């Protein structure tokens, strides 16, 4: 399977690499997450999850958790805000 972040890491200096979590927001319609540590909130307006060193809150409309594995997830919907705490 193609790993987007591994391909990017091959071309970046070591000090720029993110090692705790990675997020990709595709046009405000799909959020791909690597490195989550578990869900804390799940609703159509808010999905929140733990990451190493904090928490991420995703807000929007008609949001659906379309895929969840041990450390990755995909969220779809009308994503209006992604905040790290």
PDB file of N, CA and C in Angstrom:
ATOM      1  N   UNK A   1       0.835  -1.181   0.000  1.00  0.00           N
ATOM      2  CA  UNK A   1       0.000   0.000   0.000  1.00  0.00           C
ATOM      3  C   UNK A   1       0.880   1.244   0.000  1.00  0.00           C
ATOM      4  N   UNK A   2       0.509   2.226  -0.797  1.00  0.00           N
ATOM      5  CA  UNK A   2       1.221   3.497  -0.878  1.00  0.00           C
ATOM      6  C   UNK A   2       1.043   4.258   0.430  1.00  0.00           C
ATOM      7  N   UNK A   3       2.119   4.761   0.993  1.00  0.00           N
ATOM      8  CA  UNK A   3       2.061   5.550   2.217  1.00  0.00           C
ATOM      9  C   UNK A   3       2.483   6.974   1.886  1.00  0.00           C
ATOM     10  N   UNK A   4       1.515   7.864   1.827  1.00  0.00           N
ATOM     11  CA  UNK A   4       1.727   9.264   1.472  1.00  0.00           C
ATOM     12  C   UNK A   4       2.814   9.915   2.316  1.00  0.00           C
ATOM     13  N   UNK A   5       2.756   9.747   3.624  1.00  0.00           N
ATOM     14  CA  UNK A   5       3.700  10.418   4.507  1.00  0.00           C
ATOM     15  C   UNK A   5       5.110   9.856   4.383  1.00  0.00           C
ATOM     16  N   UNK A   6       5.246   8.581   4.159  1.00  0.00           N
ATOM     17  CA  UNK A   6       6.574   8.005   3.965  1.00  0.00           C
ATOM     18  C   UNK A   6       7.232   8.563   2.710  1.00  0.00           C
ATOM     19  N   UNK A   7       6.457   8.759   1.658  1.00  0.00           N
ATOM     20  CA  UNK A   7       6.991   9.343   0.422  1.00  0.00           C
ATOM     21  C   UNK A   7       7.449  10.787   0.649  1.00  0.00           C
ATOM     22  N   UNK A   8       6.675  11.559   1.391  1.00  0.00           N
ATOM     23  CA  UNK A   8       7.053  12.945   1.687  1.00  0.00           C
ATOM     24  C   UNK A   8       8.314  12.979   2.549  1.00  0.00           C
ATOM     25  N   UNK A   9       8.390  12.107   3.552  1.00  0.00           N
ATOM     26  CA  UNK A   9       9.532  12.094   4.476  1.00  0.00           C
ATOM     27  C   UNK A   9      10.845  11.798   3.773  1.00  0.00           C
ATOM     28  N   UNK A  10      10.807  11.079   2.667  1.00  0.00           N
ATOM     29  CA  UNK A  10      12.030  10.759   1.924  1.00  0.00           C
ATOM     30  C   UNK A  10      12.717  12.014   1.407  1.00  0.00           C
ATOM     31  N   UNK A  11      11.948  13.080   1.172  1.00  0.00           N
ATOM     32  CA  UNK A  11      12.474  14.289   0.555  1.00  0.00           C
ATOM     33  C   UNK A  11      12.627  15.472   1.503  1.00  0.00           C
ATOM     34  N   UNK A  12      12.419  15.269   2.801  1.00  0.00           N
ATOM     35  CA  UNK A  12      12.518  16.367   3.760  1.00  0.00           C
ATOM     36  C   UNK A  12      13.725  16.199   4.669  1.00  0.00           C
ATOM     37  N   UNK A  13      14.300  17.317   5.114  1.00  0.00           N
ATOM     38  CA  UNK A  13      15.359  17.235   6.125  1.00  0.00           C
ATOM     39  C   UNK A  13      14.807  16.615   7.414  1.00  0.00           C
ATOM     40  N   UNK A  14      15.621  15.882   8.111  1.00  0.00           N
ATOM     41  CA  UNK A  14      15.203  15.153   9.310  1.00  0.00           C
ATOM     42  C   UNK A  14      14.553  16.057  10.359  1.00  0.00           C
ATOM     43  N   UNK A  15      15.026  17.293  10.508  1.00  0.00           N
ATOM     44  CA  UNK A  15      14.492  18.165  11.560  1.00  0.00           C
ATOM     45  C   UNK A  15      13.092  18.718  11.234  1.00  0.00           C
ATOM     46  N   UNK A  16      12.613  18.551  10.017  1.00  0.00           N
ATOM     47  CA  UNK A  16      11.273  19.018   9.654  1.00  0.00           C
ATOM     48  C   UNK A  16      10.201  17.941   9.784  1.00  0.00           C
ATOM     49  N   UNK A  17      10.600  16.722  10.029  1.00  0.00           N
ATOM     50  CA  UNK A  17       9.638  15.617  10.037  1.00  0.00           C
ATOM     51  C   UNK A  17       8.746  15.650  11.276  1.00  0.00           C
ATOM     52  N   UNK A  18       7.457  15.430  11.052  1.00  0.00           N
ATOM     53  CA  UNK A  18       6.505  15.299  12.153  1.00  0.00           C
ATOM     54  C   UNK A  18       6.450  13.837  12.553  1.00  0.00           C
ATOM     55  N   UNK A  19       6.584  13.568  13.833  1.00  0.00           N
ATOM     56  CA  UNK A  19       6.636  12.174  14.264  1.00  0.00           C
ATOM     57  C   UNK A  19       5.477  11.764  15.160  1.00  0.00           C
ATOM     58  N   UNK A  20       4.661  12.708  15.620  1.00  0.00           N
ATOM     59  CA  UNK A  20       3.595  12.315  16.531  1.00  0.00           C
ATOM     60  C   UNK A  20       2.271  12.052  15.812  1.00  0.00           C
ATOM     61  N   UNK A  21       1.902  12.896  14.854  1.00  0.00           N
ATOM     62  CA  UNK A  21       0.688  12.666  14.077  1.00  0.00           C
ATOM     63  C   UNK A  21       0.774  13.437  12.767  1.00  0.00           C
ATOM     64  N   UNK A  22      -0.066  13.050  11.815  1.00  0.00           N
ATOM     65  CA  UNK A  22      -0.135  13.708  10.512  1.00  0.00           C
ATOM     66  C   UNK A  22      -1.594  13.853  10.114  1.00  0.00           C
ATOM     67  N   UNK A  23      -1.921  15.011   9.502  1.00  0.00           N
ATOM     68  CA  UNK A  23      -3.272  15.282   9.023  1.00  0.00           C
ATOM     69  C   UNK A  23      -3.203  15.757   7.578  1.00  0.00           C
ATOM     70  N   UNK A  24      -4.147  15.298   6.758  1.00  0.00           N
ATOM     71  CA  UNK A  24      -4.294  15.813   5.398  1.00  0.00           C
ATOM     72  C   UNK A  24      -5.759  16.162   5.217  1.00  0.00           C
ATOM     73  N   UNK A  25      -6.028  17.443   4.931  1.00  0.00           N
ATOM     74  CA  UNK A  25      -7.378  17.918   4.688  1.00  0.00           C
ATOM     75  C   UNK A  25      -7.535  18.091   3.182  1.00  0.00           C
ATOM     76  N   UNK A  26      -8.402  17.304   2.588  1.00  0.00           N
ATOM     77  CA  UNK A  26      -8.617  17.353   1.146  1.00  0.00           C
ATOM     78  C   UNK A  26      -9.876  18.151   0.837  1.00  0.00           C
ATOM     79  N   UNK A  27      -9.682  19.400   0.440  1.00  0.00           N
ATOM     80  CA  UNK A  27     -10.762  20.297  -0.011  1.00  0.00           C
ATOM     81  C   UNK A  27     -11.867  20.490   1.022  1.00  0.00           C
ATOM     82  N   UNK A  28     -11.575  20.317   2.291  1.00  0.00           N
ATOM     83  CA  UNK A  28     -12.597  20.496   3.311  1.00  0.00           C
ATOM     84  C   UNK A  28     -13.681  19.445   3.284  1.00  0.00           C
ATOM     85  N   UNK A  29     -13.432  18.345   2.565  1.00  0.00           N
ATOM     86  CA  UNK A  29     -14.432  17.271   2.430  1.00  0.00           C
ATOM     87  C   UNK A  29     -13.972  15.943   3.030  1.00  0.00           C
ATOM     88  N   UNK A  30     -12.654  15.777   3.160  1.00  0.00           N
ATOM     89  CA  UNK A  30     -12.103  14.529   3.699  1.00  0.00           C
ATOM     90  C   UNK A  30     -10.862  14.851   4.514  1.00  0.00           C
ATOM     91  N   UNK A  31     -10.786  14.318   5.714  1.00  0.00           N
ATOM     92  CA  UNK A  31      -9.612  14.483   6.558  1.00  0.00           C
ATOM     93  C   UNK A  31      -9.011  13.103   6.804  1.00  0.00           C
ATOM     94  N   UNK A  32      -7.741  12.946   6.427  1.00  0.00           N
ATOM     95  CA  UNK A  32      -7.013  11.699   6.671  1.00  0.00           C
ATOM     96  C   UNK A  32      -6.092  11.945   7.851  1.00  0.00           C
ATOM     97  N   UNK A  33      -6.085  11.026   8.818  1.00  0.00           N
ATOM     98  CA  UNK A  33      -5.311  11.175  10.051  1.00  0.00           C
ATOM     99  C   UNK A  33      -4.427   9.953  10.243  1.00  0.00           C
ATOM    100  N   UNK A  34      -3.175  10.193  10.583  1.00  0.00           N
ATOM    101  CA  UNK A  34      -2.245   9.136  11.013  1.00  0.00           C
ATOM    102  C   UNK A  34      -1.753   9.483  12.400  1.00  0.00           C
ATOM    103  N   UNK A  35      -1.717   8.513  13.283  1.00  0.00           N
ATOM    104  CA  UNK A  35      -1.138   8.704  14.607  1.00  0.00           C
ATOM    105  C   UNK A  35      -2.124   9.056  15.700  1.00  0.00           C
ATOM    106  N   UNK A  36      -3.429   8.810  15.490  1.00  0.00           N
ATOM    107  CA  UNK A  36      -4.385   9.093  16.566  1.00  0.00           C
ATOM    108  C   UNK A  36      -4.228   8.063  17.683  1.00  0.00           C
ATOM    109  N   UNK A  37      -4.682   8.455  18.861  1.00  0.00           N
ATOM    110  CA  UNK A  37      -4.606   7.592  20.044  1.00  0.00           C
ATOM    111  C   UNK A  37      -5.986   7.274  20.606  1.00  0.00           C
ATOM    112  N   UNK A  38      -7.037   7.496  19.801  1.00  0.00           N
ATOM    113  CA  UNK A  38      -8.389   7.154  20.239  1.00  0.00           C
ATOM    114  C   UNK A  38      -9.352   8.311  20.136  1.00  0.00           C
ATOM    115  N   UNK A  39     -10.614   7.982  19.857  1.00  0.00           N
ATOM    116  CA  UNK A  39     -11.684   8.974  19.756  1.00  0.00           C
ATOM    117  C   UNK A  39     -12.115   9.467  21.124  1.00  0.00           C
ATOM    118  N   UNK A  40     -12.495  10.739  21.207  1.00  0.00           N
ATOM    119  CA  UNK A  40     -13.073  11.281  22.439  1.00  0.00           C
ATOM    120  C   UNK A  40     -14.480  11.825  22.205  1.00  0.00           C
ATOM    121  N   UNK A  41     -14.775  12.249  20.969  1.00  0.00           N
ATOM    122  CA  UNK A  41     -16.096  12.776  20.624  1.00  0.00           C
ATOM    123  C   UNK A  41     -16.448  12.313  19.218  1.00  0.00           C
ATOM    124  N   UNK A  42     -17.717  11.908  19.043  1.00  0.00           N
ATOM    125  CA  UNK A  42     -18.169  11.471  17.728  1.00  0.00           C
ATOM    126  C   UNK A  42     -19.615  11.918  17.523  1.00  0.00           C
ATOM    127  N   UNK A  43     -19.800  12.946  16.672  1.00  0.00           N
ATOM    128  CA  UNK A  43     -21.139  13.402  16.314  1.00  0.00           C
ATOM    129  C   UNK A  43     -21.091  13.927  14.884  1.00  0.00           C
ATOM    130  N   UNK A  44     -22.238  14.314  14.346  1.00  0.00           N
ATOM    131  CA  UNK A  44     -22.286  14.843  12.981  1.00  0.00           C
ATOM    132  C   UNK A  44     -21.660  16.228  12.872  1.00  0.00           C
ATOM    133  N   UNK A  45     -21.484  16.920  14.014  1.00  0.00           N
ATOM    134  CA  UNK A  45     -20.907  18.259  14.015  1.00  0.00           C
ATOM    135  C   UNK A  45     -19.493  18.311  14.574  1.00  0.00           C
ATOM    136  N   UNK A  46     -19.064  17.291  15.305  1.00  0.00           N
ATOM    137  CA  UNK A  46     -17.750  17.325  15.949  1.00  0.00           C
ATOM    138  C   UNK A  46     -17.184  15.915  16.102  1.00  0.00           C
ATOM    139  N   UNK A  47     -15.950  15.762  15.647  1.00  0.00           N
ATOM    140  CA  UNK A  47     -15.207  14.533  15.891  1.00  0.00           C
ATOM    141  C   UNK A  47     -13.888  14.956  16.519  1.00  0.00           C
ATOM    142  N   UNK A  48     -13.593  14.409  17.688  1.00  0.00           N
ATOM    143  CA  UNK A  48     -12.359  14.752  18.398  1.00  0.00           C
ATOM    144  C   UNK A  48     -11.622  13.470  18.743  1.00  0.00           C
ATOM    145  N   UNK A  49     -10.294  13.586  18.785  1.00  0.00           N
ATOM    146  CA  UNK A  49      -9.476  12.420  19.083  1.00  0.00           C
ATOM    147  C   UNK A  49      -8.171  12.852  19.738  1.00  0.00           C
ATOM    148  N   UNK A  50      -7.582  11.906  20.459  1.00  0.00           N
ATOM    149  CA  UNK A  50      -6.307  12.148  21.125  1.00  0.00           C
ATOM    150  C   UNK A  50      -5.160  11.884  20.159  1.00  0.00           C
ATOM    151  N   UNK A  51      -4.087  12.660  20.328  1.00  0.00           N
ATOM    152  CA  UNK A  51      -2.828  12.447  19.631  1.00  0.00           C
ATOM    153  C   UNK A  51      -1.716  12.597  20.668  1.00  0.00           C
ATOM    154  N   UNK A  52      -0.531  12.152  20.328  1.00  0.00           N
ATOM    155  CA  UNK A  52       0.594  12.297  21.237  1.00  0.00           C
ATOM    156  C   UNK A  52       0.786  13.778  21.558  1.00  0.00           C
ATOM    157  N   UNK A  53       0.687  14.121  22.815  1.00  0.00           N
ATOM    158  CA  UNK A  53       0.888  15.500  23.245  1.00  0.00           C
ATOM    159  C   UNK A  53      -0.336  16.381  23.184  1.00  0.00           C
ATOM    160  N   UNK A  54      -1.519  15.836  22.893  1.00  0.00           N
ATOM    161  CA  UNK A  54      -2.693  16.700  22.861  1.00  0.00           C
ATOM    162  C   UNK A  54      -3.937  16.065  22.297  1.00  0.00           C
ATOM    163  N   UNK A  55      -4.746  16.917  21.694  1.00  0.00           N
ATOM    164  CA  UNK A  55      -6.060  16.512  21.193  1.00  0.00           C
ATOM    165  C   UNK A  55      -6.370  17.331  19.947  1.00  0.00           C
ATOM    166  N   UNK A  56      -7.056  16.729  18.974  1.00  0.00           N
ATOM    167  CA  UNK A  56      -7.489  17.398  17.756  1.00  0.00           C
ATOM    168  C   UNK A  56      -9.015  17.418  17.750  1.00  0.00           C
ATOM    169  N   UNK A  57      -9.593  18.575  17.436  1.00  0.00           N
ATOM    170  CA  UNK A  57     -11.047  18.724  17.330  1.00  0.00           C
ATOM    171  C   UNK A  57     -11.366  19.140  15.893  1.00  0.00           C
ATOM    172  N   UNK A  58     -12.251  18.385  15.254  1.00  0.00           N
ATOM    173  CA  UNK A  58     -12.673  18.643  13.876  1.00  0.00           C
ATOM    174  C   UNK A  58     -14.149  19.012  13.935  1.00  0.00           C
ATOM    175  N   UNK A  59     -14.488  20.201  13.411  1.00  0.00           N
ATOM    176  CA  UNK A  59     -15.869  20.660  13.418  1.00  0.00           C
ATOM    177  C   UNK A  59     -16.389  20.824  11.998  1.00  0.00           C
ATOM    178  N   UNK A  60     -17.693  20.633  11.827  1.00  0.00           N
ATOM    179  CA  UNK A  60     -18.296  20.789  10.510  1.00  0.00           C
ATOM    180  C   UNK A  60     -19.735  20.316  10.495  1.00  0.00           C
ATOM    181  N   UNK A  61     -20.213  19.931   9.307  1.00  0.00           N
ATOM    182  CA  UNK A  61     -21.584  19.451   9.130  1.00  0.00           C
ATOM    183  C   UNK A  61     -21.564  18.073   8.480  1.00  0.00           C
ATOM    184  N   UNK A  62     -22.525  17.262   8.851  1.00  0.00           N
ATOM    185  CA  UNK A  62     -22.720  15.942   8.241  1.00  0.00           C
ATOM    186  C   UNK A  62     -21.437  15.111   8.229  1.00  0.00           C
ATOM    187  N   UNK A  63     -20.682  15.187   9.305  1.00  0.00           N
ATOM    188  CA  UNK A  63     -19.419  14.452   9.364  1.00  0.00           C
ATOM    189  C   UNK A  63     -19.649  12.985   9.715  1.00  0.00           C
ATOM    190  N   UNK A  64     -18.869  12.150   9.038  1.00  0.00           N
ATOM    191  CA  UNK A  64     -18.964  10.698   9.220  1.00  0.00           C
ATOM    192  C   UNK A  64     -17.552  10.145   9.355  1.00  0.00           C
ATOM    193  N   UNK A  65     -17.362   9.275  10.306  1.00  0.00           N
ATOM    194  CA  UNK A  65     -16.110   8.550  10.443  1.00  0.00           C
ATOM    195  C   UNK A  65     -16.201   7.368   9.489  1.00  0.00           C
ATOM    196  N   UNK A  66     -15.507   7.456   8.343  1.00  0.00           N
ATOM    197  CA  UNK A  66     -15.685   6.419   7.324  1.00  0.00           C
ATOM    198  C   UNK A  66     -14.675   5.290   7.438  1.00  0.00           C
ATOM    199  N   UNK A  67     -13.592   5.524   8.157  1.00  0.00           N
ATOM    200  CA  UNK A  67     -12.611   4.454   8.366  1.00  0.00           C
ATOM    201  C   UNK A  67     -11.875   4.701   9.671  1.00  0.00           C
ATOM    202  N   UNK A  68     -11.664   3.640  10.433  1.00  0.00           N
ATOM    203  CA  UNK A  68     -10.944   3.733  11.703  1.00  0.00           C
ATOM    204  C   UNK A  68     -10.101   2.479  11.877  1.00  0.00           C
ATOM    205  N   UNK A  69      -8.790   2.674  12.008  1.00  0.00           N
ATOM    206  CA  UNK A  69      -7.895   1.567  12.334  1.00  0.00           C
ATOM    207  C   UNK A  69      -7.185   1.921  13.639  1.00  0.00           C
ATOM    208  N   UNK A  70      -6.230   1.116  14.022  1.00  0.00           N
ATOM    209  CA  UNK A  70      -5.524   1.332  15.283  1.00  0.00           C
ATOM    210  C   UNK A  70      -4.862   2.712  15.352  1.00  0.00           C
ATOM    211  N   UNK A  71      -4.346   3.221  14.236  1.00  0.00           N
ATOM    212  CA  UNK A  71      -3.687   4.529  14.281  1.00  0.00           C
ATOM    213  C   UNK A  71      -4.048   5.473  13.136  1.00  0.00           C
ATOM    214  N   UNK A  72      -4.967   5.078  12.246  1.00  0.00           N
ATOM    215  CA  UNK A  72      -5.397   5.966  11.164  1.00  0.00           C
ATOM    216  C   UNK A  72      -6.916   6.114  11.173  1.00  0.00           C
ATOM    217  N   UNK A  73      -7.391   7.190  10.544  1.00  0.00           N
ATOM    218  CA  UNK A  73      -8.836   7.360  10.370  1.00  0.00           C
ATOM    219  C   UNK A  73      -9.088   8.281   9.187  1.00  0.00           C
ATOM    220  N   UNK A  74     -10.295   8.168   8.635  1.00  0.00           N
ATOM    221  CA  UNK A  74     -10.760   9.066   7.583  1.00  0.00           C
ATOM    222  C   UNK A  74     -12.099   9.617   8.025  1.00  0.00           C
ATOM    223  N   UNK A  75     -12.221  10.941   7.919  1.00  0.00           N
ATOM    224  CA  UNK A  75     -13.447  11.644   8.278  1.00  0.00           C
ATOM    225  C   UNK A  75     -13.952  12.361   7.037  1.00  0.00           C
ATOM    226  N   UNK A  76     -15.240  12.193   6.716  1.00  0.00           N
ATOM    227  CA  UNK A  76     -15.801  12.916   5.573  1.00  0.00           C
ATOM    228  C   UNK A  76     -16.915  13.829   6.060  1.00  0.00           C
ATOM    229  N   UNK A  77     -17.237  14.823   5.245  1.00  0.00           N
ATOM    230  CA  UNK A  77     -18.283  15.787   5.566  1.00  0.00           C
ATOM    231  C   UNK A  77     -17.881  17.168   5.094  1.00  0.00           C
ATOM    232  N   UNK A  78     -18.554  18.178   5.605  1.00  0.00           N
ATOM    233  CA  UNK A  78     -18.210  19.571   5.313  1.00  0.00           C
ATOM    234  C   UNK A  78     -17.370  20.088   6.470  1.00  0.00           C
ATOM    235  N   UNK A  79     -16.069  19.929   6.375  1.00  0.00           N
ATOM    236  CA  UNK A  79     -15.160  20.273   7.471  1.00  0.00           C
ATOM    237  C   UNK A  79     -14.913  21.777   7.469  1.00  0.00           C
ATOM    238  N   UNK A  80     -15.242  22.424   8.577  1.00  0.00           N
ATOM    239  CA  UNK A  80     -15.081  23.870   8.665  1.00  0.00           C
ATOM    240  C   UNK A  80     -13.896  24.282   9.537  1.00  0.00           C
ATOM    241  N   UNK A  81     -13.490  23.420  10.471  1.00  0.00           N
ATOM    242  CA  UNK A  81     -12.394  23.790  11.368  1.00  0.00           C
ATOM    243  C   UNK A  81     -11.682  22.554  11.891  1.00  0.00           C
ATOM    244  N   UNK A  82     -10.348  22.643  11.954  1.00  0.00           N
ATOM    245  CA  UNK A  82      -9.518  21.598  12.568  1.00  0.00           C
ATOM    246  C   UNK A  82      -8.598  22.323  13.535  1.00  0.00           C
ATOM    247  N   UNK A  83      -8.699  21.988  14.829  1.00  0.00           N
ATOM    248  CA  UNK A  83      -7.899  22.663  15.853  1.00  0.00           C
ATOM    249  C   UNK A  83      -7.133  21.655  16.686  1.00  0.00           C
ATOM    250  N   UNK A  84      -5.903  22.017  17.028  1.00  0.00           N
ATOM    251  CA  UNK A  84      -5.074  21.186  17.909  1.00  0.00           C
ATOM    252  C   UNK A  84      -4.989  21.863  19.270  1.00  0.00           C
ATOM    253  N   UNK A  85      -5.117  21.074  20.312  1.00  0.00           N
ATOM    254  CA  UNK A  85      -5.007  21.567  21.702  1.00  0.00           C
ATOM    255  C   UNK A  85      -3.936  20.812  22.437  1.00  0.00           C
TER     256      UNK A  85
END
